[in-house]
Amino acid sequence: MNINLAPLSIKELEQLIADANTLIERKKAESIRNAKAEVEKIAAEAGVSIEELLGLSGVTAGKPARKPAAVKYRHPQDDSLTWTGRGKRPNWLQDELAKGKKLEDFAV
C-alpha cells in the first residue's frame, strides 16, 4: 500500500500519526484479548489451569522462586538506605567509602 502524504500539512500529519498510534494500541489490546481467550479455551479443554498449561505452577520460567536477599549493610543515620551485598554498590555506600570509611562499618 502506497499513500501519498506529501500534500498533508504538518498538523494533518501529526494528527494522522496520533490516530495511527491509537489504532495500533487498540489492535494490540484486541490481539492480546483474543490470544488470552484462545489459551483459556485450550486450558479448559485440557482440564487444567493456564498456569499448569504453561508450566508456571509455583515455578517461574523453570526456576524455583527465590526469597529476597537479606540486608547486609545499612547506613548508620538513615535506616532506609540498605544494600544486600549483591550487584553494584549503592551511591551512598560508595560516597562513604570514598570518605575513608570501611565496608565493615556498615555491616548489619
PDB file of N, CA and C in Angstrom:
ATOM      1  N   MET A   1       0.851  -1.171   0.000  1.00  0.00           N
ATOM      2  CA  MET A   1       0.000   0.000   0.000  1.00  0.00           C
ATOM      3  C   MET A   1       0.903   1.242   0.000  1.00  0.00           C
ATOM      4  N   ASN A   2       0.573   2.173  -0.894  1.00  0.00           N
ATOM      5  CA  ASN A   2       1.366   3.380  -1.013  1.00  0.00           C
ATOM      6  C   ASN A   2       0.430   4.583  -0.908  1.00  0.00           C
ATOM      7  N   ILE A   3       0.614   5.392   0.140  1.00  0.00           N
ATOM      8  CA  ILE A   3      -0.230   6.563   0.352  1.00  0.00           C
ATOM      9  C   ILE A   3       0.639   7.802   0.187  1.00  0.00           C
ATOM     10  N   ASN A   4       0.172   8.739  -0.610  1.00  0.00           N
ATOM     11  CA  ASN A   4       0.922   9.971  -0.827  1.00  0.00           C
ATOM     12  C   ASN A   4       0.603  10.946   0.316  1.00  0.00           C
ATOM     13  N   LEU A   5       1.550  11.150   1.195  1.00  0.00           N
ATOM     14  CA  LEU A   5       1.364  12.032   2.346  1.00  0.00           C
ATOM     15  C   LEU A   5       1.889  13.443   2.097  1.00  0.00           C
ATOM     16  N   ALA A   6       2.565  13.639   0.995  1.00  0.00           N
ATOM     17  CA  ALA A   6       3.207  14.917   0.691  1.00  0.00           C
ATOM     18  C   ALA A   6       2.243  16.104   0.728  1.00  0.00           C
ATOM     19  N   PRO A   7       1.009  15.992   0.278  1.00  0.00           N
ATOM     20  CA  PRO A   7       0.133  17.166   0.285  1.00  0.00           C
ATOM     21  C   PRO A   7      -0.385  17.542   1.686  1.00  0.00           C
ATOM     22  N   LEU A   8      -0.200  16.696   2.662  1.00  0.00           N
ATOM     23  CA  LEU A   8      -0.724  16.979   4.006  1.00  0.00           C
ATOM     24  C   LEU A   8       0.133  18.013   4.727  1.00  0.00           C
ATOM     25  N   SER A   9      -0.531  18.819   5.543  1.00  0.00           N
ATOM     26  CA  SER A   9       0.189  19.809   6.351  1.00  0.00           C
ATOM     27  C   SER A   9       0.834  19.105   7.548  1.00  0.00           C
ATOM     28  N   ILE A  10       1.689  19.844   8.243  1.00  0.00           N
ATOM     29  CA  ILE A  10       2.334  19.283   9.432  1.00  0.00           C
ATOM     30  C   ILE A  10       1.285  18.886  10.464  1.00  0.00           C
ATOM     31  N   LYS A  11       0.299  19.743  10.671  1.00  0.00           N
ATOM     32  CA  LYS A  11      -0.752  19.459  11.637  1.00  0.00           C
ATOM     33  C   LYS A  11      -1.527  18.201  11.241  1.00  0.00           C
ATOM     34  N   GLU A  12      -1.838  18.074   9.960  1.00  0.00           N
ATOM     35  CA  GLU A  12      -2.557  16.890   9.486  1.00  0.00           C
ATOM     36  C   GLU A  12      -1.712  15.626   9.647  1.00  0.00           C
ATOM     37  N   LEU A  13      -0.414  15.737   9.381  1.00  0.00           N
ATOM     38  CA  LEU A  13       0.481  14.590   9.547  1.00  0.00           C
ATOM     39  C   LEU A  13       0.579  14.186  11.017  1.00  0.00           C
ATOM     40  N   GLU A  14       0.685  15.168  11.910  1.00  0.00           N
ATOM     41  CA  GLU A  14       0.751  14.870  13.339  1.00  0.00           C
ATOM     42  C   GLU A  14      -0.531  14.192  13.814  1.00  0.00           C
ATOM     43  N   GLN A  15      -1.679  14.641  13.298  1.00  0.00           N
ATOM     44  CA  GLN A  15      -2.952  14.024  13.664  1.00  0.00           C
ATOM     45  C   GLN A  15      -3.025  12.602  13.124  1.00  0.00           C
ATOM     46  N   LEU A  16      -2.521  12.410  11.906  1.00  0.00           N
ATOM     47  CA  LEU A  16      -2.501  11.078  11.306  1.00  0.00           C
ATOM     48  C   LEU A  16      -1.656  10.128  12.159  1.00  0.00           C
ATOM     49  N   ILE A  17      -0.511  10.611  12.620  1.00  0.00           N
ATOM     50  CA  ILE A  17       0.362   9.793  13.473  1.00  0.00           C
ATOM     51  C   ILE A  17      -0.341   9.457  14.783  1.00  0.00           C
ATOM     52  N   ALA A  18      -0.969  10.451  15.404  1.00  0.00           N
ATOM     53  CA  ALA A  18      -1.684  10.221  16.666  1.00  0.00           C
ATOM     54  C   ALA A  18      -2.802   9.202  16.474  1.00  0.00           C
ATOM     55  N   ASP A  19      -3.564   9.355  15.383  1.00  0.00           N
ATOM     56  CA  ASP A  19      -4.651   8.412  15.108  1.00  0.00           C
ATOM     57  C   ASP A  19      -4.110   7.009  14.858  1.00  0.00           C
ATOM     58  N   ALA A  20      -3.002   6.923  14.134  1.00  0.00           N
ATOM     59  CA  ALA A  20      -2.400   5.615  13.847  1.00  0.00           C
ATOM     60  C   ALA A  20      -1.908   4.957  15.135  1.00  0.00           C
ATOM     61  N   ASN A  21      -1.281   5.732  16.016  1.00  0.00           N
ATOM     62  CA  ASN A  21      -0.803   5.181  17.288  1.00  0.00           C
ATOM     63  C   ASN A  21      -1.964   4.677  18.141  1.00  0.00           C
ATOM     64  N   THR A  22      -3.058   5.414  18.162  1.00  0.00           N
ATOM     65  CA  THR A  22      -4.244   4.987  18.907  1.00  0.00           C
ATOM     66  C   THR A  22      -4.777   3.680  18.340  1.00  0.00           C
ATOM     67  N   LEU A  23      -4.847   3.596  17.038  1.00  0.00           N
ATOM     68  CA  LEU A  23      -5.343   2.387  16.388  1.00  0.00           C
ATOM     69  C   LEU A  23      -4.411   1.202  16.646  1.00  0.00           C
ATOM     70  N   ILE A  24      -3.118   1.437  16.611  1.00  0.00           N
ATOM     71  CA  ILE A  24      -2.141   0.375  16.891  1.00  0.00           C
ATOM     72  C   ILE A  24      -2.356  -0.169  18.300  1.00  0.00           C
ATOM     73  N   GLU A  25      -2.487   0.714  19.290  1.00  0.00           N
ATOM     74  CA  GLU A  25      -2.687   0.279  20.676  1.00  0.00           C
ATOM     75  C   GLU A  25      -3.989  -0.508  20.813  1.00  0.00           C
ATOM     76  N   ARG A  26      -5.042  -0.052  20.146  1.00  0.00           N
ATOM     77  CA  ARG A  26      -6.328  -0.743  20.196  1.00  0.00           C
ATOM     78  C   ARG A  26      -6.210  -2.143  19.590  1.00  0.00           C
ATOM     79  N   LYS A  27      -5.506  -2.253  18.458  1.00  0.00           N
ATOM     80  CA  LYS A  27      -5.348  -3.556  17.804  1.00  0.00           C
ATOM     81  C   LYS A  27      -4.462  -4.488  18.630  1.00  0.00           C
ATOM     82  N   LYS A  28      -3.435  -3.949  19.289  1.00  0.00           N
ATOM     83  CA  LYS A  28      -2.592  -4.773  20.158  1.00  0.00           C
ATOM     84  C   LYS A  28      -3.413  -5.331  21.317  1.00  0.00           C
ATOM     85  N   ALA A  29      -4.233  -4.475  21.936  1.00  0.00           N
ATOM     86  CA  ALA A  29      -5.066  -4.911  23.053  1.00  0.00           C
ATOM     87  C   ALA A  29      -6.041  -5.990  22.598  1.00  0.00           C
ATOM     88  N   GLU A  30      -6.623  -5.808  21.420  1.00  0.00           N
ATOM     89  CA  GLU A  30      -7.560  -6.797  20.880  1.00  0.00           C
ATOM     90  C   GLU A  30      -6.843  -8.116  20.609  1.00  0.00           C
ATOM     91  N   SER A  31      -5.648  -8.048  20.073  1.00  0.00           N
ATOM     92  CA  SER A  31      -4.870  -9.247  19.783  1.00  0.00           C
ATOM     93  C   SER A  31      -4.541 -10.001  21.077  1.00  0.00           C
ATOM     94  N   ILE A  32      -4.197  -9.267  22.119  1.00  0.00           N
ATOM     95  CA  ILE A  32      -3.898  -9.890  23.413  1.00  0.00           C
ATOM     96  C   ILE A  32      -5.150 -10.551  23.978  1.00  0.00           C
ATOM     97  N   ARG A  33      -6.292  -9.846  23.908  1.00  0.00           N
ATOM     98  CA  ARG A  33      -7.559 -10.431  24.400  1.00  0.00           C
ATOM     99  C   ARG A  33      -7.883 -11.724  23.648  1.00  0.00           C
ATOM    100  N   ASN A  34      -7.713 -11.711  22.332  1.00  0.00           N
ATOM    101  CA  ASN A  34      -8.007 -12.904  21.528  1.00  0.00           C
ATOM    102  C   ASN A  34      -7.067 -14.056  21.881  1.00  0.00           C
ATOM    103  N   ALA A  35      -5.794 -13.753  22.040  1.00  0.00           N
ATOM    104  CA  ALA A  35      -4.822 -14.795  22.379  1.00  0.00           C
ATOM    105  C   ALA A  35      -5.127 -15.374  23.758  1.00  0.00           C
ATOM    106  N   LYS A  36      -5.462 -14.501  24.703  1.00  0.00           N
ATOM    107  CA  LYS A  36      -5.788 -14.966  26.054  1.00  0.00           C
ATOM    108  C   LYS A  36      -7.011 -15.874  26.024  1.00  0.00           C
ATOM    109  N   ALA A  37      -8.037 -15.489  25.287  1.00  0.00           N
ATOM    110  CA  ALA A  37      -9.244 -16.303  25.179  1.00  0.00           C
ATOM    111  C   ALA A  37      -8.929 -17.665  24.570  1.00  0.00           C
ATOM    112  N   GLU A  38      -8.050 -17.668  23.589  1.00  0.00           N
ATOM    113  CA  GLU A  38      -7.675 -18.922  22.943  1.00  0.00           C
ATOM    114  C   GLU A  38      -6.923 -19.832  23.915  1.00  0.00           C
ATOM    115  N   VAL A  39      -6.003 -19.259  24.680  1.00  0.00           N
ATOM    116  CA  VAL A  39      -5.250 -20.039  25.674  1.00  0.00           C
ATOM    117  C   VAL A  39      -6.193 -20.565  26.755  1.00  0.00           C
ATOM    118  N   GLU A  40      -7.121 -19.719  27.213  1.00  0.00           N
ATOM    119  CA  GLU A  40      -8.096 -20.153  28.215  1.00  0.00           C
ATOM    120  C   GLU A  40      -8.938 -21.313  27.689  1.00  0.00           C
ATOM    121  N   LYS A  41      -9.325 -21.251  26.426  1.00  0.00           N
ATOM    122  CA  LYS A  41     -10.126 -22.312  25.812  1.00  0.00           C
ATOM    123  C   LYS A  41      -9.331 -23.608  25.758  1.00  0.00           C
ATOM    124  N   ILE A  42      -8.080 -23.519  25.357  1.00  0.00           N
ATOM    125  CA  ILE A  42      -7.231 -24.714  25.267  1.00  0.00           C
ATOM    126  C   ILE A  42      -7.042 -25.324  26.656  1.00  0.00           C
ATOM    127  N   ALA A  43      -6.798 -24.478  27.665  1.00  0.00           N
ATOM    128  CA  ALA A  43      -6.610 -24.971  29.032  1.00  0.00           C
ATOM    129  C   ALA A  43      -7.884 -25.645  29.525  1.00  0.00           C
ATOM    130  N   ALA A  44      -9.043 -25.020  29.268  1.00  0.00           N
ATOM    131  CA  ALA A  44     -10.321 -25.591  29.705  1.00  0.00           C
ATOM    132  C   ALA A  44     -10.562 -26.939  29.039  1.00  0.00           C
ATOM    133  N   GLU A  45     -10.263 -27.049  27.751  1.00  0.00           N
ATOM    134  CA  GLU A  45     -10.449 -28.307  27.033  1.00  0.00           C
ATOM    135  C   GLU A  45      -9.536 -29.399  27.591  1.00  0.00           C
ATOM    136  N   ALA A  46      -8.354 -28.998  28.074  1.00  0.00           N
ATOM    137  CA  ALA A  46      -7.417 -29.966  28.647  1.00  0.00           C
ATOM    138  C   ALA A  46      -7.724 -30.240  30.115  1.00  0.00           C
ATOM    139  N   GLY A  47      -8.625 -29.440  30.712  1.00  0.00           N
ATOM    140  CA  GLY A  47      -8.991 -29.632  32.109  1.00  0.00           C
ATOM    141  C   GLY A  47      -7.920 -29.179  33.084  1.00  0.00           C
ATOM    142  N   VAL A  48      -7.136 -28.166  32.692  1.00  0.00           N
ATOM    143  CA  VAL A  48      -6.074 -27.641  33.558  1.00  0.00           C
ATOM    144  C   VAL A  48      -6.160 -26.120  33.604  1.00  0.00           C
ATOM    145  N   SER A  49      -5.458 -25.537  34.571  1.00  0.00           N
ATOM    146  CA  SER A  49      -5.405 -24.076  34.633  1.00  0.00           C
ATOM    147  C   SER A  49      -4.395 -23.572  33.601  1.00  0.00           C
ATOM    148  N   ILE A  50      -4.457 -22.281  33.341  1.00  0.00           N
ATOM    149  CA  ILE A  50      -3.492 -21.684  32.398  1.00  0.00           C
ATOM    150  C   ILE A  50      -2.075 -21.851  32.936  1.00  0.00           C
ATOM    151  N   GLU A  51      -1.911 -21.666  34.249  1.00  0.00           N
ATOM    152  CA  GLU A  51      -0.582 -21.803  34.863  1.00  0.00           C
ATOM    153  C   GLU A  51      -0.035 -23.215  34.660  1.00  0.00           C
ATOM    154  N   GLU A  52      -0.912 -24.225  34.868  1.00  0.00           N
ATOM    155  CA  GLU A  52      -0.476 -25.605  34.667  1.00  0.00           C
ATOM    156  C   GLU A  52      -0.147 -25.854  33.198  1.00  0.00           C
ATOM    157  N   LEU A  53      -0.980 -25.318  32.313  1.00  0.00           N
ATOM    158  CA  LEU A  53      -0.757 -25.482  30.887  1.00  0.00           C
ATOM    159  C   LEU A  53       0.601 -24.929  30.468  1.00  0.00           C
ATOM    160  N   LEU A  54       0.943 -23.768  31.020  1.00  0.00           N
ATOM    161  CA  LEU A  54       2.201 -23.111  30.648  1.00  0.00           C
ATOM    162  C   LEU A  54       3.374 -23.533  31.516  1.00  0.00           C
ATOM    163  N   GLY A  55       3.115 -24.398  32.505  1.00  0.00           N
ATOM    164  CA  GLY A  55       4.192 -24.872  33.372  1.00  0.00           C
ATOM    165  C   GLY A  55       4.656 -23.832  34.358  1.00  0.00           C
ATOM    166  N   LEU A  56       3.745 -22.978  34.823  1.00  0.00           N
ATOM    167  CA  LEU A  56       4.123 -21.895  35.728  1.00  0.00           C
ATOM    168  C   LEU A  56       3.723 -22.151  37.180  1.00  0.00           C
ATOM    169  N   SER A  57       3.169 -23.286  37.479  1.00  0.00           N
ATOM    170  CA  SER A  57       2.684 -23.562  38.834  1.00  0.00           C
ATOM    171  C   SER A  57       3.835 -23.578  39.837  1.00  0.00           C
ATOM    172  N   GLY A  58       3.936 -22.512  40.643  1.00  0.00           N
ATOM    173  CA  GLY A  58       4.943 -22.436  41.700  1.00  0.00           C
ATOM    174  C   GLY A  58       6.361 -22.248  41.213  1.00  0.00           C
ATOM    175  N   VAL A  59       6.540 -22.156  39.935  1.00  0.00           N
ATOM    176  CA  VAL A  59       7.880 -22.023  39.378  1.00  0.00           C
ATOM    177  C   VAL A  59       7.849 -20.939  38.320  1.00  0.00           C
ATOM    178  N   THR A  60       8.863 -20.104  38.299  1.00  0.00           N
ATOM    179  CA  THR A  60       8.951 -19.049  37.304  1.00  0.00           C
ATOM    180  C   THR A  60       9.983 -19.439  36.255  1.00  0.00           C
ATOM    181  N   ALA A  61       9.521 -19.649  35.052  1.00  0.00           N
ATOM    182  CA  ALA A  61      10.390 -19.963  33.908  1.00  0.00           C
ATOM    183  C   ALA A  61      11.354 -21.097  34.216  1.00  0.00           C
ATOM    184  N   GLY A  62      10.858 -22.145  34.885  1.00  0.00           N
ATOM    185  CA  GLY A  62      11.695 -23.304  35.149  1.00  0.00           C
ATOM    186  C   GLY A  62      12.627 -23.158  36.330  1.00  0.00           C
ATOM    187  N   LYS A  63      12.556 -22.051  37.032  1.00  0.00           N
ATOM    188  CA  LYS A  63      13.416 -21.832  38.191  1.00  0.00           C
ATOM    189  C   LYS A  63      12.554 -21.708  39.435  1.00  0.00           C
ATOM    190  N   PRO A  64      13.009 -22.247  40.551  1.00  0.00           N
ATOM    191  CA  PRO A  64      12.233 -22.078  41.782  1.00  0.00           C
ATOM    192  C   PRO A  64      12.237 -20.620  42.221  1.00  0.00           C
ATOM    193  N   ALA A  65      11.161 -20.213  42.891  1.00  0.00           N
ATOM    194  CA  ALA A  65      11.061 -18.834  43.373  1.00  0.00           C
ATOM    195  C   ALA A  65      12.127 -18.605  44.445  1.00  0.00           C
ATOM    196  N   ARG A  66      12.754 -17.427  44.407  1.00  0.00           N
ATOM    197  CA  ARG A  66      13.786 -17.100  45.394  1.00  0.00           C
ATOM    198  C   ARG A  66      13.251 -16.084  46.376  1.00  0.00           C
ATOM    199  N   LYS A  67      13.719 -16.191  47.594  1.00  0.00           N
ATOM    200  CA  LYS A  67      13.385 -15.196  48.601  1.00  0.00           C
ATOM    201  C   LYS A  67      14.226 -13.951  48.351  1.00  0.00           C
ATOM    202  N   PRO A  68      13.739 -12.789  48.760  1.00  0.00           N
ATOM    203  CA  PRO A  68      14.570 -11.593  48.641  1.00  0.00           C
ATOM    204  C   PRO A  68      15.832 -11.749  49.486  1.00  0.00           C
ATOM    205  N   ALA A  69      16.919 -11.198  49.004  1.00  0.00           N
ATOM    206  CA  ALA A  69      18.187 -11.289  49.726  1.00  0.00           C
ATOM    207  C   ALA A  69      18.117 -10.477  51.015  1.00  0.00           C
ATOM    208  N   ALA A  70      18.774 -10.976  52.035  1.00  0.00           N
ATOM    209  CA  ALA A  70      18.811 -10.283  53.325  1.00  0.00           C
ATOM    210  C   ALA A  70      19.713  -9.060  53.240  1.00  0.00           C
ATOM    211  N   VAL A  71      19.368  -8.037  53.992  1.00  0.00           N
ATOM    212  CA  VAL A  71      20.177  -6.826  54.055  1.00  0.00           C
ATOM    213  C   VAL A  71      21.464  -7.137  54.806  1.00  0.00           C
ATOM    214  N   LYS A  72      22.599  -6.767  54.237  1.00  0.00           N
ATOM    215  CA  LYS A  72      23.884  -6.990  54.885  1.00  0.00           C
ATOM    216  C   LYS A  72      24.541  -5.692  55.330  1.00  0.00           C
ATOM    217  N   TYR A  73      24.161  -4.581  54.700  1.00  0.00           N
ATOM    218  CA  TYR A  73      24.773  -3.291  55.021  1.00  0.00           C
ATOM    219  C   TYR A  73      23.686  -2.229  55.144  1.00  0.00           C
ATOM    220  N   ARG A  74      23.851  -1.345  56.123  1.00  0.00           N
ATOM    221  CA  ARG A  74      22.855  -0.309  56.376  1.00  0.00           C
ATOM    222  C   ARG A  74      23.574   0.994  56.729  1.00  0.00           C
ATOM    223  N   HIS A  75      23.029   2.103  56.246  1.00  0.00           N
ATOM    224  CA  HIS A  75      23.564   3.428  56.553  1.00  0.00           C
ATOM    225  C   HIS A  75      23.319   3.709  58.041  1.00  0.00           C
ATOM    226  N   PRO A  76      24.321   4.213  58.771  1.00  0.00           N
ATOM    227  CA  PRO A  76      24.140   4.410  60.216  1.00  0.00           C
ATOM    228  C   PRO A  76      23.107   5.477  60.592  1.00  0.00           C
ATOM    229  N   GLN A  77      22.918   6.504  59.779  1.00  0.00           N
ATOM    230  CA  GLN A  77      21.963   7.560  60.117  1.00  0.00           C
ATOM    231  C   GLN A  77      20.604   7.385  59.440  1.00  0.00           C
ATOM    232  N   ASP A  78      20.547   6.663  58.345  1.00  0.00           N
ATOM    233  CA  ASP A  78      19.300   6.518  57.595  1.00  0.00           C
ATOM    234  C   ASP A  78      19.028   5.036  57.355  1.00  0.00           C
ATOM    235  N   ASP A  79      18.135   4.451  58.144  1.00  0.00           N
ATOM    236  CA  ASP A  79      17.846   3.013  58.054  1.00  0.00           C
ATOM    237  C   ASP A  79      17.220   2.598  56.725  1.00  0.00           C
ATOM    238  N   SER A  80      16.717   3.559  55.975  1.00  0.00           N
ATOM    239  CA  SER A  80      16.102   3.203  54.696  1.00  0.00           C
ATOM    240  C   SER A  80      17.162   2.927  53.629  1.00  0.00           C
ATOM    241  N   LEU A  81      18.392   3.317  53.866  1.00  0.00           N
ATOM    242  CA  LEU A  81      19.475   3.089  52.909  1.00  0.00           C
ATOM    243  C   LEU A  81      20.156   1.771  53.262  1.00  0.00           C
ATOM    244  N   THR A  82      19.909   0.759  52.432  1.00  0.00           N
ATOM    245  CA  THR A  82      20.468  -0.567  52.681  1.00  0.00           C
ATOM    246  C   THR A  82      21.069  -1.131  51.414  1.00  0.00           C
ATOM    247  N   TRP A  83      21.825  -2.222  51.602  1.00  0.00           N
ATOM    248  CA  TRP A  83      22.404  -2.943  50.475  1.00  0.00           C
ATOM    249  C   TRP A  83      22.523  -4.396  50.865  1.00  0.00           C
ATOM    250  N   THR A  84      22.191  -5.293  49.958  1.00  0.00           N
ATOM    251  CA  THR A  84      22.240  -6.728  50.236  1.00  0.00           C
ATOM    252  C   THR A  84      23.624  -7.308  50.017  1.00  0.00           C
ATOM    253  N   GLY A  85      24.518  -6.534  49.412  1.00  0.00           N
ATOM    254  CA  GLY A  85      25.834  -7.057  49.076  1.00  0.00           C
ATOM    255  C   GLY A  85      25.864  -7.637  47.675  1.00  0.00           C
ATOM    256  N   ARG A  86      24.725  -7.596  47.001  1.00  0.00           N
ATOM    257  CA  ARG A  86      24.641  -8.100  45.627  1.00  0.00           C
ATOM    258  C   ARG A  86      24.547  -6.919  44.662  1.00  0.00           C
ATOM    259  N   GLY A  87      25.121  -7.100  43.501  1.00  0.00           N
ATOM    260  CA  GLY A  87      25.031  -6.047  42.491  1.00  0.00           C
ATOM    261  C   GLY A  87      25.960  -4.885  42.793  1.00  0.00           C
ATOM    262  N   LYS A  88      25.762  -3.821  42.052  1.00  0.00           N
ATOM    263  CA  LYS A  88      26.599  -2.630  42.183  1.00  0.00           C
ATOM    264  C   LYS A  88      26.369  -1.968  43.536  1.00  0.00           C
ATOM    265  N   ARG A  89      27.429  -1.473  44.136  1.00  0.00           N
ATOM    266  CA  ARG A  89      27.300  -0.771  45.410  1.00  0.00           C
ATOM    267  C   ARG A  89      26.484   0.502  45.211  1.00  0.00           C
ATOM    268  N   PRO A  90      25.574   0.781  46.135  1.00  0.00           N
ATOM    269  CA  PRO A  90      24.771   1.997  46.001  1.00  0.00           C
ATOM    270  C   PRO A  90      25.624   3.248  46.183  1.00  0.00           C
ATOM    271  N   ASN A  91      25.153   4.364  45.637  1.00  0.00           N
ATOM    272  CA  ASN A  91      25.901   5.620  45.687  1.00  0.00           C
ATOM    273  C   ASN A  91      26.218   6.048  47.111  1.00  0.00           C
ATOM    274  N   TRP A  92      25.255   5.891  48.039  1.00  0.00           N
ATOM    275  CA  TRP A  92      25.508   6.324  49.414  1.00  0.00           C
ATOM    276  C   TRP A  92      26.682   5.572  50.014  1.00  0.00           C
ATOM    277  N   LEU A  93      26.815   4.283  49.687  1.00  0.00           N
ATOM    278  CA  LEU A  93      27.916   3.483  50.225  1.00  0.00           C
ATOM    279  C   LEU A  93      29.230   3.861  49.543  1.00  0.00           C
ATOM    280  N   GLN A  94      29.188   4.072  48.259  1.00  0.00           N
ATOM    281  CA  GLN A  94      30.401   4.490  47.550  1.00  0.00           C
ATOM    282  C   GLN A  94      30.918   5.811  48.099  1.00  0.00           C
ATOM    283  N   ASP A  95      29.982   6.739  48.380  1.00  0.00           N
ATOM    284  CA  ASP A  95      30.376   8.041  48.932  1.00  0.00           C
ATOM    285  C   ASP A  95      31.043   7.880  50.295  1.00  0.00           C
ATOM    286  N   GLU A  96      30.463   7.032  51.142  1.00  0.00           N
ATOM    287  CA  GLU A  96      31.022   6.822  52.475  1.00  0.00           C
ATOM    288  C   GLU A  96      32.389   6.150  52.403  1.00  0.00           C
ATOM    289  N   LEU A  97      32.543   5.197  51.517  1.00  0.00           N
ATOM    290  CA  LEU A  97      33.834   4.524  51.366  1.00  0.00           C
ATOM    291  C   LEU A  97      34.891   5.493  50.833  1.00  0.00           C
ATOM    292  N   ALA A  98      34.478   6.407  49.963  1.00  0.00           N
ATOM    293  CA  ALA A  98      35.406   7.413  49.436  1.00  0.00           C
ATOM    294  C   ALA A  98      35.879   8.360  50.524  1.00  0.00           C
ATOM    295  N   LYS A  99      35.063   8.511  51.569  1.00  0.00           N
ATOM    296  CA  LYS A  99      35.441   9.372  52.702  1.00  0.00           C
ATOM    297  C   LYS A  99      36.401   8.667  53.652  1.00  0.00           C
ATOM    298  N   GLY A 100      36.713   7.403  53.370  1.00  0.00           N
ATOM    299  CA  GLY A 100      37.677   6.685  54.185  1.00  0.00           C
ATOM    300  C   GLY A 100      37.082   5.644  55.115  1.00  0.00           C
ATOM    301  N   LYS A 101      35.782   5.516  55.126  1.00  0.00           N
ATOM    302  CA  LYS A 101      35.165   4.503  55.976  1.00  0.00           C
ATOM    303  C   LYS A 101      35.354   3.128  55.353  1.00  0.00           C
ATOM    304  N   LYS A 102      35.164   2.096  56.167  1.00  0.00           N
ATOM    305  CA  LYS A 102      35.334   0.723  55.705  1.00  0.00           C
ATOM    306  C   LYS A 102      33.987   0.057  55.552  1.00  0.00           C
ATOM    307  N   LEU A 103      33.913  -0.901  54.663  1.00  0.00           N
ATOM    308  CA  LEU A 103      32.670  -1.613  54.399  1.00  0.00           C
ATOM    309  C   LEU A 103      32.134  -2.242  55.681  1.00  0.00           C
ATOM    310  N   GLU A 104      33.016  -2.743  56.520  1.00  0.00           N
ATOM    311  CA  GLU A 104      32.612  -3.385  57.772  1.00  0.00           C
ATOM    312  C   GLU A 104      31.865  -2.414  58.690  1.00  0.00           C
ATOM    313  N   ASP A 105      32.097  -1.109  58.538  1.00  0.00           N
ATOM    314  CA  ASP A 105      31.427  -0.115  59.378  1.00  0.00           C
ATOM    315  C   ASP A 105      29.919  -0.114  59.146  1.00  0.00           C
ATOM    316  N   PHE A 106      29.460  -0.660  58.044  1.00  0.00           N
ATOM    317  CA  PHE A 106      28.047  -0.626  57.681  1.00  0.00           C
ATOM    318  C   PHE A 106      27.374  -1.991  57.782  1.00  0.00           C
ATOM    319  N   ALA A 107      28.126  -3.009  58.218  1.00  0.00           N
ATOM    320  CA  ALA A 107      27.569  -4.355  58.319  1.00  0.00           C
ATOM    321  C   ALA A 107      26.446  -4.409  59.344  1.00  0.00           C
ATOM    322  N   VAL A 108      25.421  -5.173  59.015  1.00  0.00           N
ATOM    323  CA  VAL A 108      24.266  -5.314  59.908  1.00  0.00           C
ATOM    324  C   VAL A 108      24.564  -6.391  60.928  1.00  0.00           C
TER     325      VAL A 108
END
